[in-house]
Protein backbone atom coordinates (compact mmCIF):
# COMPACT_ATOMS: atom_id res chain seq x y z
CA MET A 1 -41.41 -40.04 -5.38
CA GLN A 2 -38.05 -41.66 -5.63
CA PHE A 3 -34.66 -39.99 -5.52
CA HIS A 4 -31.92 -41.31 -7.78
CA ASP A 5 -28.61 -41.78 -5.96
CA ASP A 6 -26.61 -40.10 -8.74
CA MET A 7 -28.86 -37.11 -9.38
CA PHE A 8 -27.56 -34.01 -11.08
CA VAL A 9 -27.54 -31.02 -8.73
CA GLY A 10 -27.01 -27.33 -9.45
CA GLU A 11 -24.32 -25.31 -7.68
CA ASN A 12 -26.72 -23.46 -5.38
CA ALA A 13 -28.78 -26.57 -4.68
CA ARG A 14 -25.63 -28.54 -3.83
CA LYS A 15 -25.00 -26.26 -0.85
CA HIS A 16 -28.39 -27.22 0.60
CA LYS A 17 -28.92 -30.66 -0.91
CA GLN A 18 -29.54 -32.60 2.28
CA GLN A 19 -32.03 -30.03 3.57
CA LEU A 20 -33.81 -29.85 0.21
CA LEU A 21 -34.16 -33.63 0.05
CA TRP A 22 -35.32 -33.80 3.66
CA ASN A 23 -38.00 -31.18 2.95
CA LEU A 24 -39.07 -32.92 -0.26
CA LYS A 25 -39.53 -36.22 1.55
CA ARG A 26 -41.73 -34.51 4.12
CA GLY A 27 -43.79 -32.56 1.61
CA LYS A 28 -42.64 -29.12 2.73
CA ARG A 29 -42.83 -26.18 0.36
CA GLN A 30 -39.53 -24.84 -0.84
CA LYS A 31 -39.14 -21.49 -2.48
CA ASN A 32 -37.50 -21.53 -5.89
CA LEU A 33 -36.92 -25.31 -5.99
CA TYR A 34 -37.03 -27.14 -9.31
CA VAL A 35 -36.80 -30.89 -9.86
CA ILE A 36 -36.07 -32.87 -13.00
CA THR A 37 -37.77 -36.25 -13.31
CA LEU A 38 -37.72 -39.08 -15.77
CA ALA A 39 -40.69 -38.68 -18.10
CA ASP A 40 -43.64 -40.99 -17.78
CA GLY A 41 -45.07 -40.15 -21.19
CA LYS A 42 -44.20 -41.46 -24.60
CA GLY A 43 -42.07 -39.14 -26.72
CA ARG A 44 -40.55 -37.26 -23.78
CA ILE A 45 -37.29 -37.96 -21.99
CA LEU A 46 -37.34 -35.64 -18.97
CA GLU A 47 -39.76 -33.34 -17.20
CA LEU A 48 -39.01 -30.17 -15.23
CA TYR A 49 -41.27 -29.14 -12.35
CA HIS A 50 -41.35 -26.27 -9.91
CA GLY A 51 -41.27 -27.56 -6.35
CA ASP A 52 -44.84 -26.38 -5.76
CA ALA A 53 -46.08 -29.03 -8.19
CA LEU A 54 -44.80 -31.64 -5.76
CA GLN A 55 -47.39 -30.48 -3.24
CA ILE A 56 -50.08 -32.07 -5.40
CA ARG A 57 -51.02 -35.49 -4.05
CA TYR A 58 -50.59 -37.05 -7.50
CA PHE A 59 -46.88 -36.21 -7.51
CA ARG A 60 -46.26 -37.04 -3.85
CA ASN A 61 -47.75 -40.51 -4.31
CA SER A 62 -46.29 -41.21 -7.74
CA ASP A 63 -43.28 -43.38 -8.45
CA ARG A 64 -41.54 -40.65 -10.44
CA VAL A 65 -37.76 -40.71 -10.22
CA ILE A 66 -36.11 -37.38 -9.45
CA VAL A 67 -32.80 -37.17 -11.31
CA GLY A 68 -32.06 -33.45 -10.98
CA LEU A 69 -32.34 -30.72 -8.38
CA ALA A 70 -31.88 -26.97 -8.77
CA LEU A 71 -32.61 -23.66 -7.09
CA GLY A 72 -34.05 -21.16 -9.54
CA GLN A 73 -35.21 -21.47 -13.11
CA GLU A 74 -31.86 -20.52 -14.64
CA GLU A 75 -30.01 -23.13 -12.59
CA ALA A 76 -32.70 -25.70 -13.48
CA GLU A 77 -32.13 -25.07 -17.17
CA GLN A 78 -28.36 -25.39 -16.70
CA VAL A 79 -28.75 -28.69 -14.83
CA LEU A 80 -31.14 -29.98 -17.48
CA LEU A 81 -28.69 -29.13 -20.29
CA ARG A 82 -25.77 -30.67 -18.38
CA LEU A 83 -27.77 -33.83 -17.74
CA VAL A 84 -28.80 -34.26 -21.39
CA ASP A 85 -25.27 -33.50 -22.60
CA THR A 86 -23.72 -36.00 -20.18
CA VAL A 87 -26.12 -38.80 -21.08
CA TYR A 88 -25.64 -38.19 -24.80
CA ARG A 89 -21.82 -38.09 -24.56
CA GLU A 90 -21.65 -41.23 -22.40
CA THR A 91 -24.21 -43.35 -24.26
CA GLY A 92 -24.51 -41.88 -27.75
CA GLY A 93 -28.26 -41.56 -27.25
CA LEU A 94 -30.93 -40.12 -24.99
CA ASN A 95 -32.38 -43.19 -23.31
CA MET A 96 -32.69 -41.70 -19.83
CA ASN A 97 -34.42 -44.73 -18.32
CA ARG A 98 -31.52 -46.97 -19.28
CA TYR A 99 -28.91 -44.43 -18.13
CA PHE A 100 -30.53 -44.04 -14.69
CA ALA A 101 -31.36 -47.75 -14.27
């Protein structure tokens, strides 16, 4: 797992960002945590995962780039919408890999 320096963070997650990242790096479970990653599949731009999914070895050992962090599903959806809107307004498209390069 990689963490993008300019990740989008929800209001509640922002209050605990350092602790959330510290726990993620160490593989600790975190209640109500959601992460947004760049998609690794064709035809998708982003993927949203509950923090529990990151307990699976596949995710812990993958080179996925986390570009968003949120506490709760509602906040995760808000962060996801804000992220897509920002990328579209700034680039005129939805090429997330280029935006986060």
